[in-house]
Amino acid sequence: MKLAALILPFALLATSAQAANTECLSDKYSQYVDASLTWYEELIAITVKKDPNLESVGDWFLKGRKHHFELNRAAVDFYLKNDPSKVKTNQSIESWLQLDQKEIKSLSMNDDALGKVAKITFDDRQAPPHKQNYELRSAFADILSHPKEIDAPLKTYNKTITQISDISCK
């Protein structure tokens, strides 16, 4: 009985530490998602400012990016709690989670919060592209080949990602 009394506090401490680590990792990934979405919002804003005819396709593209990143945020939270081996926290944060189309389809069949988010992303990927998708991609290529046009938001994104990457979860 004395042994159990000694082991129990250590077990509770380990569980508490694991929960804190999971929360830290989840928050770290959430910050990455927020930074990525901000970058895409700024890229779209620059693109549409340059060519207002791309506003509709820009909105469509951004909506798809939001769905993609919100799925990843939800999946990282889920997997950190339920199957941490699916989240590669020893890699750069951009590579923590790699969900292929087959996995997204499988997740989309679940009737839980993650399944609902996965269904939205899966449906996005199955839908036909916006009729101006090519024009938007061409505009991105043009903007990305002229770094001065995106210098400020890109520097902000890179700085934010470096700060997020420096967060140490234990």
Protein backbone atom coordinates (compact mmCIF):
# COMPACT_ATOMS: atom_id res chain seq x y z
CA MET A 1 0.00 0.00 0.00
CA LYS A 2 2.87 2.37 0.78
CA LEU A 3 4.35 1.67 -2.65
CA ALA A 4 1.07 2.62 -4.32
CA ALA A 5 0.98 5.82 -2.28
CA LEU A 6 4.46 6.67 -3.56
CA ILE A 7 3.81 5.75 -7.19
CA LEU A 8 0.45 7.52 -7.54
CA PRO A 9 1.80 11.09 -7.14
CA PHE A 10 4.50 10.41 -9.75
CA ALA A 11 1.95 8.95 -12.14
CA LEU A 12 -0.29 11.98 -11.68
CA LEU A 13 2.67 14.29 -12.20
CA ALA A 14 3.62 12.50 -15.42
CA THR A 15 0.04 12.68 -16.68
CA SER A 16 -0.14 16.36 -15.79
CA ALA A 17 3.17 17.06 -17.56
CA GLN A 18 1.99 15.17 -20.66
CA ALA A 19 -1.24 17.20 -20.71
CA ALA A 20 0.72 20.44 -20.42
CA ASN A 21 3.03 19.34 -23.26
CA THR A 22 0.05 18.41 -25.42
CA GLU A 23 -1.54 21.80 -24.74
CA CYS A 24 1.73 23.58 -25.55
CA LEU A 25 2.14 21.67 -28.82
CA SER A 26 -1.47 22.30 -29.75
CA ASP A 27 -1.10 26.02 -29.06
CA LYS A 28 2.14 26.12 -31.05
CA TYR A 29 0.45 24.53 -34.06
CA SER A 30 -2.55 26.81 -33.69
CA GLN A 31 -0.23 29.82 -33.87
CA TYR A 32 1.28 28.37 -37.05
CA VAL A 33 -2.20 28.02 -38.56
CA ASP A 34 -3.08 31.61 -37.63
CA ALA A 35 0.19 32.92 -39.13
CA SER A 36 -0.38 30.92 -42.32
CA LEU A 37 -3.93 32.17 -42.72
CA THR A 38 -2.77 35.75 -42.19
CA TRP A 39 -0.13 35.26 -44.89
CA TYR A 40 -2.73 33.95 -47.34
CA GLU A 41 -5.12 36.80 -46.50
CA GLU A 42 -2.36 39.30 -47.22
CA LEU A 43 -1.33 37.55 -50.44
CA ILE A 44 -4.93 37.60 -51.64
CA ALA A 45 -5.32 41.28 -50.67
CA ILE A 46 -2.19 42.21 -52.66
CA THR A 47 -3.37 40.15 -55.63
CA VAL A 48 -6.87 41.62 -55.64
CA LYS A 49 -5.53 45.15 -55.20
CA LYS A 50 -3.43 44.59 -58.30
CA ASP A 51 -6.33 43.00 -60.22
CA PRO A 52 -9.81 43.60 -58.73
CA ASN A 53 -11.28 41.12 -61.23
CA LEU A 54 -9.76 38.36 -59.10
CA GLU A 55 -11.76 39.18 -55.97
CA SER A 56 -14.25 36.33 -56.39
CA VAL A 57 -11.59 33.69 -57.07
CA GLY A 58 -9.47 35.15 -54.27
CA ASP A 59 -12.36 34.72 -51.84
CA TRP A 60 -12.88 31.15 -53.11
CA PHE A 61 -9.18 30.34 -52.71
CA LEU A 62 -8.97 31.84 -49.23
CA LYS A 63 -12.06 29.94 -48.13
CA GLY A 64 -10.41 26.69 -49.26
CA ARG A 65 -7.17 27.58 -47.43
CA LYS A 66 -9.15 28.31 -44.26
CA HIS A 67 -10.91 24.95 -44.49
CA HIS A 68 -7.59 23.17 -45.08
CA PHE A 69 -5.83 24.83 -42.16
CA GLU A 70 -8.80 24.46 -39.79
CA LEU A 71 -8.86 20.74 -40.60
CA ASN A 72 -5.16 20.51 -39.83
CA ARG A 73 -5.62 22.43 -36.57
CA ALA A 74 -8.44 20.11 -35.51
CA ALA A 75 -6.52 17.00 -36.62
CA VAL A 76 -3.37 18.00 -34.73
CA ASP A 77 -5.43 18.61 -31.58
CA PHE A 78 -7.15 15.25 -32.00
CA TYR A 79 -4.01 13.28 -32.77
CA LEU A 80 -1.93 14.88 -30.01
CA LYS A 81 -4.52 13.61 -27.54
CA ASN A 82 -5.35 10.27 -29.17
CA ASP A 83 -2.48 9.15 -31.42
CA PRO A 84 0.60 11.38 -31.00
CA SER A 85 2.58 9.26 -33.47
CA LYS A 86 0.58 10.92 -36.28
CA VAL A 87 2.02 14.35 -35.40
CA LYS A 88 5.69 14.63 -36.35
CA THR A 89 6.71 17.27 -33.79
CA ASN A 90 10.39 16.49 -34.40
CA GLN A 91 10.08 18.05 -37.88
CA SER A 92 9.49 21.65 -38.94
CA ILE A 93 6.03 22.79 -37.89
CA GLU A 94 4.88 22.94 -41.52
CA SER A 95 5.48 19.17 -41.70
CA TRP A 96 3.90 18.07 -38.44
CA LEU A 97 0.84 16.65 -40.12
CA GLN A 98 0.52 15.14 -43.56
CA LEU A 99 -3.03 14.13 -44.38
CA ASP A 100 -3.50 12.66 -47.82
CA GLN A 101 -6.80 12.65 -49.67
CA LYS A 102 -7.56 9.07 -48.61
CA GLU A 103 -7.13 9.97 -44.91
CA ILE A 104 -9.25 13.09 -45.28
CA LYS A 105 -11.98 11.05 -46.96
CA SER A 106 -11.82 8.50 -44.14
CA LEU A 107 -11.98 11.20 -41.47
CA SER A 108 -14.88 12.88 -43.28
CA MET A 109 -17.02 9.81 -42.69
CA ASN A 110 -16.81 10.22 -38.91
CA ASP A 111 -19.71 11.85 -37.14
CA ASP A 112 -17.64 13.95 -34.77
CA ALA A 113 -16.18 17.47 -34.83
CA LEU A 114 -13.06 16.36 -36.72
CA GLY A 115 -15.18 14.45 -39.22
CA LYS A 116 -17.31 17.51 -39.94
CA VAL A 117 -14.25 19.69 -40.59
CA ALA A 118 -12.72 16.94 -42.74
CA LYS A 119 -15.95 16.68 -44.76
CA ILE A 120 -15.78 20.38 -45.63
CA THR A 121 -12.18 20.05 -46.82
CA PHE A 122 -12.89 16.82 -48.68
CA ASP A 123 -15.85 18.44 -50.45
CA ASP A 124 -13.67 21.43 -51.36
CA ARG A 125 -11.15 19.13 -52.98
CA GLN A 126 -13.82 17.24 -54.91
CA ALA A 127 -15.49 20.37 -56.24
CA PRO A 128 -14.54 21.77 -59.62
CA PRO A 129 -12.04 24.62 -59.44
CA HIS A 130 -13.16 28.23 -59.73
CA LYS A 131 -13.31 29.32 -63.36
CA GLN A 132 -10.59 31.91 -62.68
CA ASN A 133 -8.30 29.55 -60.78
CA TYR A 134 -5.63 29.65 -63.48
CA GLU A 135 -5.69 33.46 -63.55
CA LEU A 136 -5.27 33.59 -59.78
CA ARG A 137 -2.36 31.12 -59.83
CA SER A 138 -0.74 33.16 -62.61
CA ALA A 139 -1.19 36.33 -60.58
CA PHE A 140 0.41 34.60 -57.56
CA ALA A 141 3.36 33.51 -59.70
CA ASP A 142 3.78 37.07 -60.92
CA ILE A 143 3.61 38.55 -57.42
CA LEU A 144 5.91 35.91 -55.93
CA SER A 145 8.47 36.57 -58.66
CA HIS A 146 8.61 40.24 -57.61
CA PRO A 147 9.58 40.00 -53.94
CA LYS A 148 9.29 43.75 -53.28
CA GLU A 149 5.52 43.50 -53.67
CA ILE A 150 5.26 40.97 -50.87
CA ASP A 151 8.32 41.93 -48.85
CA ALA A 152 6.57 43.26 -45.73
CA PRO A 153 4.00 40.47 -45.26
CA LEU A 154 6.56 37.79 -46.13
CA LYS A 155 9.05 39.16 -43.60
CA THR A 156 6.30 39.27 -40.99
CA TYR A 157 5.30 35.69 -41.77
CA ASN A 158 8.88 34.42 -41.66
CA LYS A 159 9.56 36.24 -38.38
CA THR A 160 6.38 34.83 -36.85
CA ILE A 161 7.17 31.29 -38.02
CA THR A 162 10.68 31.58 -36.55
CA GLN A 163 9.23 32.73 -33.23
CA ILE A 164 6.70 29.90 -33.24
CA SER A 165 9.39 27.37 -34.15
CA ASP A 166 11.46 28.58 -31.19
CA ILE A 167 8.69 27.67 -28.73
CA SER A 168 9.90 24.73 -26.70
CA CYS A 169 7.25 22.40 -25.32
CA LYS A 170 8.30 20.03 -22.56
